[in-house]
Amino acid sequence: MITLHVTDRDGKKTTHEVQTGDPMMFVLRDDLGLPVEGACGGTASCGTCHIIVADRWIDRLDAPQDYEAAMLEMLDHNAGPASRLACQITASDALDGLELTLAPEE
């Protein structure tokens, strides 16, 4: 289990204990019931699981692959290096304490 700090689209901050091993998109949507669509099912081709990672976490994550970076560039609410697709980040022990915000809907 890891701790995840989430700010929703209304600015409400919550803290959750979540299992490791699944893409963050499924953790947010399926486990926590947050409004993360994930329309493409996790293939990084829709941008509906867009999150904004807290600045202090950006360098702790693996860099986005080219296909994720290309999708992020097309999003209206791109927040630069802080923008990520939740489907491309796996919940792991290394992310214990991760802070993220659900990006505005595209």
Protein backbone atom coordinates (compact mmCIF):
# COMPACT_ATOMS: atom_id res chain seq x y z
CA MET A 1 0.00 0.00 0.00
CA ILE A 2 1.09 3.54 -0.71
CA THR A 3 -0.31 6.93 0.20
CA LEU A 4 -1.72 9.06 -2.62
CA HIS A 5 -2.68 12.72 -2.22
CA VAL A 6 -5.27 13.80 -4.79
CA THR A 7 -6.75 17.21 -5.52
CA ASP A 8 -9.96 16.92 -7.54
CA ARG A 9 -11.24 19.36 -10.16
CA ASP A 10 -13.07 21.35 -7.48
CA GLY A 11 -9.89 21.82 -5.43
CA LYS A 12 -10.84 19.28 -2.74
CA LYS A 13 -7.79 17.48 -1.37
CA THR A 14 -8.04 13.89 -0.19
CA THR A 15 -5.55 11.27 0.94
CA HIS A 16 -5.89 7.60 0.08
CA GLU A 17 -4.12 4.33 0.79
CA VAL A 18 -3.93 2.42 -2.50
CA GLN A 19 -2.57 -0.87 -3.76
CA THR A 20 0.50 -0.95 -5.96
CA GLY A 21 0.88 -2.63 -9.33
CA ASP A 22 -1.86 -1.02 -11.43
CA PRO A 23 -1.70 2.01 -13.71
CA MET A 24 -2.69 5.14 -11.82
CA MET A 25 -5.65 5.65 -14.17
CA PHE A 26 -7.29 2.47 -12.86
CA VAL A 27 -6.42 3.34 -9.28
CA LEU A 28 -8.02 6.77 -9.59
CA ARG A 29 -11.06 5.67 -11.58
CA ASP A 30 -11.86 2.14 -10.47
CA ASP A 31 -10.45 1.95 -6.95
CA LEU A 32 -11.14 5.49 -5.77
CA GLY A 33 -14.19 6.30 -7.92
CA LEU A 34 -12.79 9.60 -9.14
CA PRO A 35 -13.99 11.15 -12.41
CA VAL A 36 -11.16 9.92 -14.61
CA GLU A 37 -12.63 8.71 -17.89
CA GLY A 38 -9.78 6.72 -19.44
CA ALA A 39 -11.74 6.39 -22.70
CA CYS A 40 -8.94 4.59 -24.58
CA GLY A 41 -8.48 2.01 -21.85
CA GLY A 42 -4.92 2.99 -21.06
CA THR A 43 -3.25 3.20 -24.47
CA ALA A 44 -2.26 6.88 -24.12
CA SER A 45 -4.34 7.80 -27.14
CA CYS A 46 -7.12 9.97 -25.69
CA GLY A 47 -5.82 12.19 -22.87
CA THR A 48 -8.91 11.65 -20.68
CA CYS A 49 -6.77 10.49 -17.74
CA HIS A 50 -4.68 13.67 -17.72
CA ILE A 51 -3.25 14.54 -14.32
CA ILE A 52 -0.94 17.25 -13.07
CA VAL A 53 1.83 15.99 -10.82
CA ALA A 54 3.11 18.20 -7.99
CA ASP A 55 6.37 19.90 -8.95
CA ARG A 56 8.44 18.04 -6.38
CA TRP A 57 7.39 14.73 -7.95
CA ILE A 58 8.13 15.49 -11.61
CA ASP A 59 11.75 14.32 -11.50
CA ARG A 60 10.85 11.23 -9.47
CA LEU A 61 8.76 9.80 -12.31
CA ASP A 62 10.16 8.13 -15.39
CA ALA A 63 10.15 10.55 -18.32
CA PRO A 64 7.13 10.22 -20.60
CA GLN A 65 7.60 8.04 -23.67
CA ASP A 66 7.31 9.77 -27.05
CA TYR A 67 3.71 8.65 -27.60
CA GLU A 68 2.64 10.05 -24.19
CA ALA A 69 4.49 13.31 -24.81
CA ALA A 70 2.80 13.66 -28.21
CA MET A 71 -0.66 13.17 -26.66
CA LEU A 72 0.09 15.66 -23.87
CA GLU A 73 1.13 18.29 -26.43
CA MET A 74 -2.35 18.13 -27.98
CA LEU A 75 -4.21 18.78 -24.72
CA ASP A 76 -5.78 22.17 -24.07
CA HIS A 77 -4.79 22.11 -20.39
CA ASN A 78 -1.18 21.00 -20.80
CA ALA A 79 0.82 22.07 -17.74
CA GLY A 80 4.25 21.41 -19.22
CA PRO A 81 6.44 18.86 -17.43
CA ALA A 82 3.84 18.45 -14.66
CA SER A 83 1.27 17.06 -17.11
CA ARG A 84 1.13 13.29 -17.34
CA LEU A 85 -1.29 10.59 -18.42
CA ALA A 86 -2.30 8.52 -15.41
CA CYS A 87 -2.46 5.41 -17.59
CA GLN A 88 1.30 5.61 -18.08
CA ILE A 89 2.26 5.77 -14.39
CA THR A 90 2.19 2.56 -12.37
CA ALA A 91 1.39 2.81 -8.67
CA SER A 92 4.58 1.60 -6.99
CA ASP A 93 6.39 1.83 -3.68
CA ALA A 94 8.62 4.53 -5.21
CA LEU A 95 5.53 6.75 -5.51
CA ASP A 96 4.50 6.55 -1.86
CA GLY A 97 3.22 10.05 -1.03
CA LEU A 98 2.62 11.10 -4.65
CA GLU A 99 0.69 14.35 -4.98
CA LEU A 100 -1.43 14.94 -8.07
CA THR A 101 -4.32 16.99 -9.35
CA LEU A 102 -6.99 15.85 -11.78
CA ALA A 103 -6.61 18.06 -14.84
CA PRO A 104 -9.65 19.87 -16.21
CA GLU A 105 -11.72 17.74 -18.59
CA GLU A 106 -10.71 18.02 -22.22
